[in-house]
Amino acid sequence: GILAVSLLSVLVSLFRTVLAYINFRITRTVAGFSITKGLINSSQKLVPFEKVQYVSWKTNWLRRKISMYLFEFHTIGGNEVKNNLKIKVPVTSELVLQKLATTYIPKIPEQFACNLKVHPSYLYRNTLIFGILPSLILAIPLFLLADGKALLLMALPPYAYLYFWLYRRKFLFSWTSNLVHIKTGVFGNRTVILKWENIQSVKISQSLYQQQKFLADLIIHTAGGTITALYIPLEAARELQNFALYKIES
């Protein structure tokens, strides 16, 4: 049964991918990118350069070994656009990936002097809330109703710990005077590149726990979507907020 379900999921994924990207072509023009695709019904999109708010690409460990990425242009109104209408480009070469990224901003440094990581309390607090506490709360009723199957709850805390540990390990918020560079992901990898001048507003959010630890969530709003940096030092969040406001006004 597991083998049949796995095979069926692969076939469905293959069928959907073929329908989504068959005859795919992206062409750079003076105004922006022209994207065409389709087998029976051909569609064409134009992506003006000035409409792009930020760009991102994602992959996972296996896809990265064979240089497979999914590149996305986040344009104005990105939050309201349905997933199947978003501007995503399949990439099978790191050279093509860099060419697409440099159309948004020409020079992307390989290393950054300014970096921020997620605070360790993010890992411990979320493991407690989403792993340990649910196991303790559900243990007794599930043991009475499902008997020995309640022991499966013991897998929840290790899974929660692994999930948030991977997120904290991969997250890196970097910036220069021109751009913001974010690496994130759990079982995959996602990279986001954003120009400071494309930021519309920056919000600092704190829970009671974060106030005690002098931590905050930095929420960056753009016309193409929202980007969040969780559990970073409060002082760094305020400096980034002030710098973003300075770049917006100037």
Protein backbone atom coordinates (compact mmCIF):
# COMPACT_ATOMS: atom_id res chain seq x y z
CA GLY A 1 0.00 0.00 0.00
CA ILE A 2 2.80 2.43 0.87
CA LEU A 3 4.57 1.57 -2.40
CA ALA A 4 1.37 2.11 -4.41
CA VAL A 5 0.68 5.48 -2.76
CA SER A 6 4.29 6.58 -3.31
CA LEU A 7 4.18 5.57 -6.98
CA LEU A 8 0.84 7.31 -7.48
CA SER A 9 2.13 10.53 -5.87
CA VAL A 10 5.18 10.51 -8.15
CA LEU A 11 3.01 10.03 -11.24
CA VAL A 12 0.61 12.80 -10.21
CA SER A 13 3.52 15.14 -9.47
CA LEU A 14 5.10 14.33 -12.84
CA PHE A 15 1.80 14.93 -14.66
CA ARG A 16 1.22 18.28 -12.92
CA THR A 17 4.80 19.40 -13.60
CA VAL A 18 4.54 18.51 -17.29
CA LEU A 19 1.27 20.43 -17.63
CA ALA A 20 2.67 23.43 -15.74
CA TYR A 21 6.00 23.80 -17.55
CA ILE A 22 5.81 22.11 -20.94
CA ASN A 23 7.09 24.38 -23.76
CA PHE A 24 8.27 26.84 -21.11
CA ARG A 25 10.29 29.77 -22.42
CA ILE A 26 11.48 32.95 -20.69
CA THR A 27 12.85 35.84 -22.74
CA ARG A 28 14.39 39.05 -21.47
CA THR A 29 13.17 42.20 -23.20
CA VAL A 30 13.83 45.90 -22.69
CA ALA A 31 10.80 46.28 -20.41
CA GLY A 32 11.05 43.00 -18.51
CA PHE A 33 10.62 39.24 -18.93
CA SER A 34 8.25 37.56 -21.35
CA ILE A 35 7.16 34.08 -20.21
CA THR A 36 5.30 31.62 -22.44
CA LYS A 37 4.21 28.06 -21.69
CA GLY A 38 1.49 25.52 -22.44
CA LEU A 39 0.79 22.49 -24.61
CA ILE A 40 -2.75 22.90 -25.93
CA ASN A 41 -3.58 26.37 -24.63
CA SER A 42 -0.50 28.58 -24.75
CA SER A 43 -0.28 31.45 -22.26
CA GLN A 44 2.04 34.44 -22.14
CA LYS A 45 2.96 36.75 -19.26
CA LEU A 46 4.98 39.93 -19.18
CA VAL A 47 6.90 40.72 -16.00
CA PRO A 48 7.97 44.41 -15.99
CA PHE A 49 11.18 45.03 -14.05
CA GLU A 50 9.64 47.89 -12.04
CA LYS A 51 6.80 45.63 -10.82
CA VAL A 52 9.15 43.12 -9.17
CA GLN A 53 9.27 43.72 -5.41
CA TYR A 54 11.66 40.93 -4.50
CA VAL A 55 12.85 37.57 -5.80
CA SER A 56 13.26 34.17 -4.20
CA TRP A 57 14.23 30.63 -5.09
CA LYS A 58 13.86 27.32 -3.31
CA THR A 59 15.23 23.81 -3.53
CA ASN A 60 15.98 20.84 -1.28
CA TRP A 61 18.98 18.63 -0.65
CA LEU A 62 18.31 16.22 -3.52
CA ARG A 63 17.36 18.89 -6.06
CA ARG A 64 20.41 20.95 -5.17
CA LYS A 65 22.67 18.00 -6.05
CA ILE A 66 21.37 18.17 -9.62
CA SER A 67 21.06 22.00 -9.70
CA MET A 68 17.25 22.16 -9.72
CA TYR A 69 15.58 25.30 -8.36
CA LEU A 70 12.23 27.03 -8.55
CA PHE A 71 12.73 30.77 -9.03
CA GLU A 72 9.90 33.22 -8.32
CA PHE A 73 9.31 36.87 -9.15
CA HIS A 74 7.26 38.48 -6.35
CA THR A 75 5.38 41.29 -8.05
CA ILE A 76 2.98 43.97 -6.82
CA GLY A 77 -0.16 42.36 -5.43
CA GLY A 78 1.67 39.11 -4.72
CA ASN A 79 -0.44 38.29 -1.65
CA GLU A 80 -3.66 38.35 -3.68
CA VAL A 81 -2.35 36.26 -6.60
CA LYS A 82 -3.38 32.61 -6.56
CA ASN A 83 -0.60 30.04 -6.36
CA ASN A 84 -1.13 28.72 -9.89
CA LEU A 85 -0.91 32.26 -11.28
CA LYS A 86 2.33 33.23 -9.56
CA ILE A 87 5.37 33.85 -11.74
CA LYS A 88 7.59 30.82 -11.12
CA VAL A 89 10.53 29.81 -13.29
CA PRO A 90 12.01 26.27 -13.24
CA VAL A 91 15.81 26.49 -13.26
CA THR A 92 18.21 23.63 -13.95
CA SER A 93 21.50 25.52 -13.79
CA GLU A 94 23.13 27.69 -11.15
CA LEU A 95 24.39 29.97 -13.93
CA VAL A 96 20.82 30.67 -15.08
CA LEU A 97 19.80 31.18 -11.45
CA GLN A 98 22.47 33.85 -10.98
CA LYS A 99 21.48 35.55 -14.24
CA LEU A 100 17.85 35.79 -13.10
CA ALA A 101 18.86 37.09 -9.65
CA THR A 102 21.19 39.75 -11.03
CA THR A 103 18.40 41.18 -13.18
CA TYR A 104 16.82 42.29 -9.90
CA ILE A 105 20.02 43.59 -8.34
CA PRO A 106 23.33 43.46 -10.25
CA LYS A 107 25.81 42.77 -7.46
CA ILE A 108 25.02 40.14 -4.83
CA PRO A 109 27.94 39.57 -2.43
CA GLU A 110 28.91 36.01 -1.59
CA GLN A 111 29.49 36.89 2.08
CA PHE A 112 27.95 39.56 4.28
CA ALA A 113 29.48 41.51 7.15
CA CYS A 114 26.08 42.00 8.85
CA ASN A 115 24.24 38.82 9.85
CA LEU A 116 21.53 37.80 12.30
CA LYS A 117 20.50 34.34 13.51
CA VAL A 118 17.40 33.16 15.36
CA HIS A 119 17.84 33.19 19.14
CA PRO A 120 18.10 29.73 20.82
CA SER A 121 14.99 30.42 22.92
CA TYR A 122 12.94 30.07 19.70
CA LEU A 123 13.91 26.39 19.55
CA TYR A 124 13.25 25.59 23.21
CA ARG A 125 10.00 27.53 23.50
CA ASN A 126 8.43 26.11 20.35
CA THR A 127 9.49 22.57 21.23
CA LEU A 128 7.74 23.02 24.56
CA ILE A 129 4.56 24.53 23.06
CA PHE A 130 4.19 22.34 19.96
CA GLY A 131 5.89 19.15 21.14
CA ILE A 132 6.00 18.50 24.87
CA LEU A 133 2.76 20.15 26.04
CA PRO A 134 0.49 18.53 23.39
CA SER A 135 1.98 15.13 24.26
CA LEU A 136 1.28 15.61 27.95
CA ILE A 137 -2.25 16.95 27.39
CA LEU A 138 -3.31 14.23 24.93
CA ALA A 139 -1.51 11.32 26.58
CA ILE A 140 -4.19 10.36 29.12
CA PRO A 141 -7.31 10.58 26.88
CA LEU A 142 -5.55 8.81 24.01
CA PHE A 143 -4.28 6.10 26.34
CA LEU A 144 -7.83 5.49 27.56
CA LEU A 145 -9.29 5.45 24.04
CA ALA A 146 -6.49 4.01 21.91
CA ASP A 147 -4.52 2.04 24.49
CA GLY A 148 -0.95 1.36 23.34
CA LYS A 149 -1.22 3.56 20.27
CA ALA A 150 -0.93 6.55 22.59
CA LEU A 151 2.78 5.77 22.75
CA LEU A 152 3.06 7.28 19.27
CA LEU A 153 2.80 10.66 20.99
CA MET A 154 6.35 10.12 22.21
CA ALA A 155 7.50 10.89 18.67
CA LEU A 156 5.96 14.38 18.74
CA PRO A 157 8.57 16.15 20.96
CA PRO A 158 11.58 14.84 18.97
CA TYR A 159 9.89 15.78 15.69
CA ALA A 160 9.08 19.29 16.97
CA TYR A 161 12.65 19.70 18.22
CA LEU A 162 14.07 18.56 14.85
CA TYR A 163 11.72 20.85 12.90
CA PHE A 164 12.55 24.02 14.83
CA TRP A 165 16.24 23.10 15.12
CA LEU A 166 16.49 22.86 11.33
CA TYR A 167 14.68 26.18 10.93
CA ARG A 168 17.00 27.93 13.39
CA ARG A 169 20.10 26.33 11.89
CA LYS A 170 19.25 27.38 8.32
CA PHE A 171 17.90 30.86 9.01
CA LEU A 172 20.30 33.70 8.24
CA PHE A 173 19.27 37.35 7.89
CA SER A 174 21.99 39.35 6.11
CA TRP A 175 22.08 42.83 4.66
CA THR A 176 24.12 45.57 3.03
CA SER A 177 23.28 49.21 2.34
CA ASN A 178 21.46 48.12 -0.85
CA LEU A 179 19.78 44.79 -0.17
CA VAL A 180 18.42 42.28 2.31
CA HIS A 181 19.45 38.64 1.86
CA ILE A 182 17.56 35.94 3.76
CA LYS A 183 18.18 32.19 3.87
CA THR A 184 15.53 30.02 5.47
CA GLY A 185 13.83 26.62 5.27
CA VAL A 186 13.24 23.42 7.22
CA PHE A 187 13.43 20.32 5.01
CA GLY A 188 14.22 22.50 1.99
CA ASN A 189 16.13 25.72 1.37
CA ARG A 190 14.74 29.11 0.37
CA THR A 191 16.62 32.30 -0.47
CA VAL A 192 15.04 35.76 -0.61
CA ILE A 193 16.62 38.94 -2.01
CA LEU A 194 14.96 42.28 -1.35
CA LYS A 195 15.91 45.88 -2.10
CA TRP A 196 15.52 48.29 0.82
CA GLU A 197 13.64 50.80 -1.33
CA ASN A 198 10.94 48.22 -2.13
CA ILE A 199 9.95 48.01 1.53
CA GLN A 200 6.62 49.68 2.32
CA SER A 201 6.65 49.37 6.10
CA VAL A 202 8.49 47.58 8.90
CA LYS A 203 6.79 46.36 12.07
CA ILE A 204 8.30 45.12 15.34
CA SER A 205 6.20 42.58 17.25
CA GLN A 206 6.88 41.25 20.76
CA SER A 207 5.19 38.69 22.96
CA LEU A 208 5.43 38.85 26.76
CA TYR A 209 8.14 36.20 26.66
CA GLN A 210 10.10 38.14 24.02
CA GLN A 211 9.84 41.32 26.09
CA GLN A 212 11.52 39.56 29.01
CA LYS A 213 14.30 38.26 26.75
CA PHE A 214 14.70 41.55 24.79
CA LEU A 215 13.80 39.77 21.55
CA ALA A 216 11.39 40.69 18.74
CA ASP A 217 9.91 39.61 15.42
CA LEU A 218 10.78 41.91 12.52
CA ILE A 219 7.95 41.97 9.95
CA ILE A 220 8.79 43.52 6.57
CA HIS A 221 5.86 44.48 4.35
CA THR A 222 6.26 44.92 0.59
CA ALA A 223 3.74 45.21 -2.22
CA GLY A 224 4.68 41.66 -3.23
CA GLY A 225 4.33 39.98 0.16
CA THR A 226 5.54 39.87 3.75
CA ILE A 227 8.91 38.70 5.08
CA THR A 228 9.44 37.89 8.78
CA ALA A 229 12.57 37.48 10.89
CA LEU A 230 11.70 35.68 14.14
CA TYR A 231 13.32 35.97 17.57
CA ILE A 232 16.09 38.42 16.74
CA PRO A 233 17.62 40.85 19.29
CA LEU A 234 15.35 43.83 19.96
CA GLU A 235 18.14 46.35 19.51
CA ALA A 236 19.03 44.92 16.08
CA ALA A 237 15.35 44.92 15.06
CA ARG A 238 15.03 48.63 15.94
CA GLU A 239 18.20 49.49 14.03
CA LEU A 240 16.93 47.65 10.95
CA GLN A 241 13.54 49.35 11.26
CA ASN A 242 15.14 52.80 11.45
CA PHE A 243 17.45 52.04 8.53
CA ALA A 244 14.51 50.78 6.43
CA LEU A 245 12.54 53.95 7.17
CA TYR A 246 15.57 56.04 6.21
CA LYS A 247 15.91 54.19 2.88
CA ILE A 248 12.17 54.51 2.18
CA GLU A 249 12.15 58.26 2.84
CA SER A 250 15.34 58.94 0.89
